[in-house]
N, C-alpha and C. Protein backbone atom coordinates (compact mmCIF):
# COMPACT_ATOMS: atom_id res chain seq x y z
N MET A 1 -11.54 4.18 -2.84
CA MET A 1 -10.87 4.06 -1.55
C MET A 1 -10.43 2.62 -1.37
N LEU A 2 -9.32 2.44 -0.74
CA LEU A 2 -8.78 1.12 -0.48
C LEU A 2 -9.37 0.57 0.80
N ARG A 3 -10.01 -0.56 0.69
CA ARG A 3 -10.53 -1.23 1.88
C ARG A 3 -9.53 -2.30 2.26
N VAL A 4 -9.02 -2.18 3.44
CA VAL A 4 -8.01 -3.11 3.92
C VAL A 4 -8.60 -3.91 5.05
N GLN A 5 -8.57 -5.22 4.87
CA GLN A 5 -9.03 -6.11 5.93
C GLN A 5 -7.94 -7.13 6.20
N GLY A 6 -7.61 -7.27 7.43
CA GLY A 6 -6.65 -8.28 7.81
C GLY A 6 -7.36 -9.57 8.16
N ASP A 7 -6.58 -10.53 8.59
CA ASP A 7 -7.18 -11.78 9.04
C ASP A 7 -7.73 -11.58 10.44
N GLN A 8 -8.02 -12.65 11.14
CA GLN A 8 -8.62 -12.56 12.46
C GLN A 8 -7.74 -11.78 13.44
N GLU A 9 -6.44 -11.82 13.24
CA GLU A 9 -5.52 -11.10 14.12
C GLU A 9 -5.25 -9.68 13.62
N GLY A 10 -5.89 -9.27 12.54
CA GLY A 10 -5.69 -7.93 12.00
C GLY A 10 -4.41 -7.80 11.20
N ILE A 11 -3.90 -8.90 10.67
CA ILE A 11 -2.66 -8.89 9.91
C ILE A 11 -2.99 -8.75 8.42
N ILE A 12 -2.27 -7.85 7.74
CA ILE A 12 -2.49 -7.56 6.33
C ILE A 12 -1.30 -8.11 5.54
N SER A 13 -1.60 -8.82 4.47
CA SER A 13 -0.55 -9.30 3.58
C SER A 13 -0.93 -8.95 2.15
N ALA A 14 0.07 -8.82 1.30
CA ALA A 14 -0.19 -8.49 -0.10
C ALA A 14 -1.05 -9.55 -0.76
N GLN A 15 -0.90 -10.80 -0.34
CA GLN A 15 -1.66 -11.89 -0.94
C GLN A 15 -3.15 -11.83 -0.61
N LYS A 16 -3.51 -11.19 0.49
CA LYS A 16 -4.92 -11.15 0.91
C LYS A 16 -5.69 -9.98 0.33
N ILE A 17 -5.00 -9.06 -0.37
CA ILE A 17 -5.68 -7.92 -0.96
C ILE A 17 -6.12 -8.32 -2.37
N ASP A 18 -7.40 -8.18 -2.64
CA ASP A 18 -7.95 -8.53 -3.95
C ASP A 18 -7.63 -7.42 -4.93
N LEU A 19 -6.55 -7.61 -5.69
CA LEU A 19 -6.09 -6.57 -6.61
C LEU A 19 -7.10 -6.29 -7.72
N HIS A 20 -7.89 -7.28 -8.08
CA HIS A 20 -8.88 -7.11 -9.16
C HIS A 20 -10.02 -6.20 -8.75
N SER A 21 -10.21 -6.01 -7.46
CA SER A 21 -11.31 -5.16 -6.99
C SER A 21 -10.88 -3.70 -6.84
N LEU A 22 -9.59 -3.43 -7.02
CA LEU A 22 -9.08 -2.07 -6.83
C LEU A 22 -9.15 -1.26 -8.13
N PRO A 23 -9.58 -0.01 -8.03
CA PRO A 23 -9.51 0.86 -9.20
C PRO A 23 -8.04 1.03 -9.62
N THR A 24 -7.82 1.26 -10.88
CA THR A 24 -6.47 1.35 -11.44
C THR A 24 -5.62 2.40 -10.73
N ASP A 25 -6.18 3.57 -10.44
CA ASP A 25 -5.38 4.62 -9.80
C ASP A 25 -4.96 4.23 -8.39
N ILE A 26 -5.82 3.53 -7.68
CA ILE A 26 -5.48 3.07 -6.32
C ILE A 26 -4.40 1.99 -6.40
N LEU A 27 -4.57 1.06 -7.33
CA LEU A 27 -3.58 0.00 -7.51
C LEU A 27 -2.22 0.59 -7.86
N GLU A 28 -2.21 1.59 -8.73
CA GLU A 28 -0.96 2.24 -9.10
C GLU A 28 -0.31 2.93 -7.91
N ALA A 29 -1.11 3.59 -7.09
CA ALA A 29 -0.58 4.31 -5.93
C ALA A 29 0.00 3.37 -4.88
N PHE A 30 -0.64 2.23 -4.67
CA PHE A 30 -0.21 1.31 -3.61
C PHE A 30 0.70 0.20 -4.09
N SER A 31 0.92 0.09 -5.39
CA SER A 31 1.71 -1.03 -5.91
C SER A 31 3.13 -1.09 -5.34
N PRO A 32 3.84 0.04 -5.14
CA PRO A 32 5.18 -0.09 -4.54
C PRO A 32 5.15 -0.75 -3.16
N LEU A 33 4.18 -0.38 -2.35
CA LEU A 33 4.06 -0.96 -1.00
C LEU A 33 3.68 -2.43 -1.09
N LEU A 34 2.70 -2.75 -1.92
CA LEU A 34 2.25 -4.13 -2.03
C LEU A 34 3.34 -5.02 -2.61
N CYS A 35 4.08 -4.52 -3.60
CA CYS A 35 5.18 -5.29 -4.19
C CYS A 35 6.27 -5.55 -3.17
N GLU A 36 6.61 -4.53 -2.39
CA GLU A 36 7.63 -4.70 -1.37
C GLU A 36 7.19 -5.72 -0.32
N MET A 37 5.95 -5.64 0.09
CA MET A 37 5.43 -6.60 1.07
C MET A 37 5.51 -8.01 0.52
N GLU A 38 5.15 -8.17 -0.77
CA GLU A 38 5.16 -9.49 -1.38
C GLU A 38 6.59 -10.01 -1.55
N GLU A 39 7.50 -9.15 -2.01
CA GLU A 39 8.90 -9.56 -2.21
C GLU A 39 9.55 -9.98 -0.90
N LEU A 40 9.25 -9.25 0.17
CA LEU A 40 9.85 -9.56 1.47
C LEU A 40 9.09 -10.64 2.23
N GLY A 41 7.88 -10.97 1.73
CA GLY A 41 7.05 -11.95 2.42
C GLY A 41 6.62 -11.45 3.78
N THR A 42 6.42 -10.15 3.89
CA THR A 42 6.09 -9.56 5.18
C THR A 42 4.60 -9.29 5.31
N THR A 43 4.17 -9.20 6.53
CA THR A 43 2.80 -8.82 6.85
C THR A 43 2.85 -7.60 7.76
N LEU A 44 1.77 -6.84 7.75
CA LEU A 44 1.69 -5.65 8.58
C LEU A 44 0.37 -5.64 9.32
N ASN A 45 0.36 -5.05 10.51
CA ASN A 45 -0.92 -4.81 11.15
C ASN A 45 -1.47 -3.51 10.57
N LEU A 46 -2.67 -3.14 10.91
CA LEU A 46 -3.30 -1.97 10.31
C LEU A 46 -2.49 -0.70 10.56
N GLU A 47 -2.01 -0.53 11.77
CA GLU A 47 -1.22 0.67 12.09
C GLU A 47 0.05 0.74 11.23
N GLU A 48 0.73 -0.39 11.09
CA GLU A 48 1.94 -0.42 10.27
C GLU A 48 1.62 -0.16 8.80
N PHE A 49 0.51 -0.72 8.32
CA PHE A 49 0.10 -0.52 6.92
C PHE A 49 -0.21 0.95 6.68
N LEU A 50 -0.94 1.57 7.59
CA LEU A 50 -1.27 2.99 7.44
C LEU A 50 -0.01 3.85 7.49
N ASP A 51 0.92 3.52 8.38
CA ASP A 51 2.18 4.26 8.47
C ASP A 51 2.98 4.13 7.18
N ALA A 52 3.08 2.92 6.66
CA ALA A 52 3.82 2.70 5.40
C ALA A 52 3.13 3.42 4.24
N SER A 53 1.80 3.42 4.24
CA SER A 53 1.04 4.12 3.19
C SER A 53 1.29 5.61 3.26
N TYR A 54 1.32 6.15 4.46
CA TYR A 54 1.56 7.58 4.65
C TYR A 54 2.97 7.95 4.19
N ARG A 55 3.96 7.12 4.52
CA ARG A 55 5.33 7.39 4.08
C ARG A 55 5.43 7.32 2.56
N LEU A 56 4.77 6.34 1.94
CA LEU A 56 4.75 6.23 0.49
C LEU A 56 4.11 7.47 -0.13
N TYR A 57 3.02 7.92 0.44
CA TYR A 57 2.34 9.12 -0.04
C TYR A 57 3.28 10.33 0.01
N ASN A 58 3.98 10.49 1.11
CA ASN A 58 4.90 11.62 1.26
C ASN A 58 6.03 11.57 0.24
N VAL A 59 6.56 10.39 -0.02
CA VAL A 59 7.61 10.24 -1.02
C VAL A 59 7.07 10.61 -2.41
N ARG A 60 5.88 10.15 -2.72
CA ARG A 60 5.29 10.45 -4.03
C ARG A 60 5.02 11.94 -4.18
N ILE A 61 4.56 12.60 -3.12
CA ILE A 61 4.30 14.04 -3.17
C ILE A 61 5.61 14.80 -3.37
N LYS A 62 6.65 14.43 -2.63
CA LYS A 62 7.94 15.09 -2.78
C LYS A 62 8.50 14.89 -4.19
N PHE A 63 8.38 13.68 -4.71
CA PHE A 63 8.84 13.40 -6.07
C PHE A 63 8.06 14.23 -7.07
N HIS A 64 6.74 14.27 -6.92
CA HIS A 64 5.88 15.04 -7.82
C HIS A 64 6.24 16.52 -7.77
N ASN A 65 6.41 17.05 -6.58
CA ASN A 65 6.74 18.47 -6.43
C ASN A 65 8.13 18.80 -6.98
N HIS A 66 9.05 17.88 -6.84
CA HIS A 66 10.41 18.10 -7.33
C HIS A 66 10.46 18.11 -8.84
N TYR A 67 9.68 17.24 -9.48
CA TYR A 67 9.73 17.10 -10.94
C TYR A 67 8.54 17.73 -11.65
N ARG A 68 7.82 18.58 -10.94
CA ARG A 68 6.67 19.27 -11.55
C ARG A 68 7.17 20.19 -12.65
N LEU A 69 6.46 20.18 -13.73
CA LEU A 69 6.84 21.05 -14.86
C LEU A 69 6.35 22.46 -14.67
């Protein structure tokens, strides 16, 4: 499971997530979101992070279902 902790204001940034502590499958699942956050230099609050994670999950499910053998 991904443990997300923001700073004192509850802000999450790609730089503050310890990638070495994440299991490979979790890192693979969240890498598009984390890469986008890093490329844009953006931060998210917990609600925004969860919303973006949910949207990423839905895209991955649709892609998987579309290309399922």
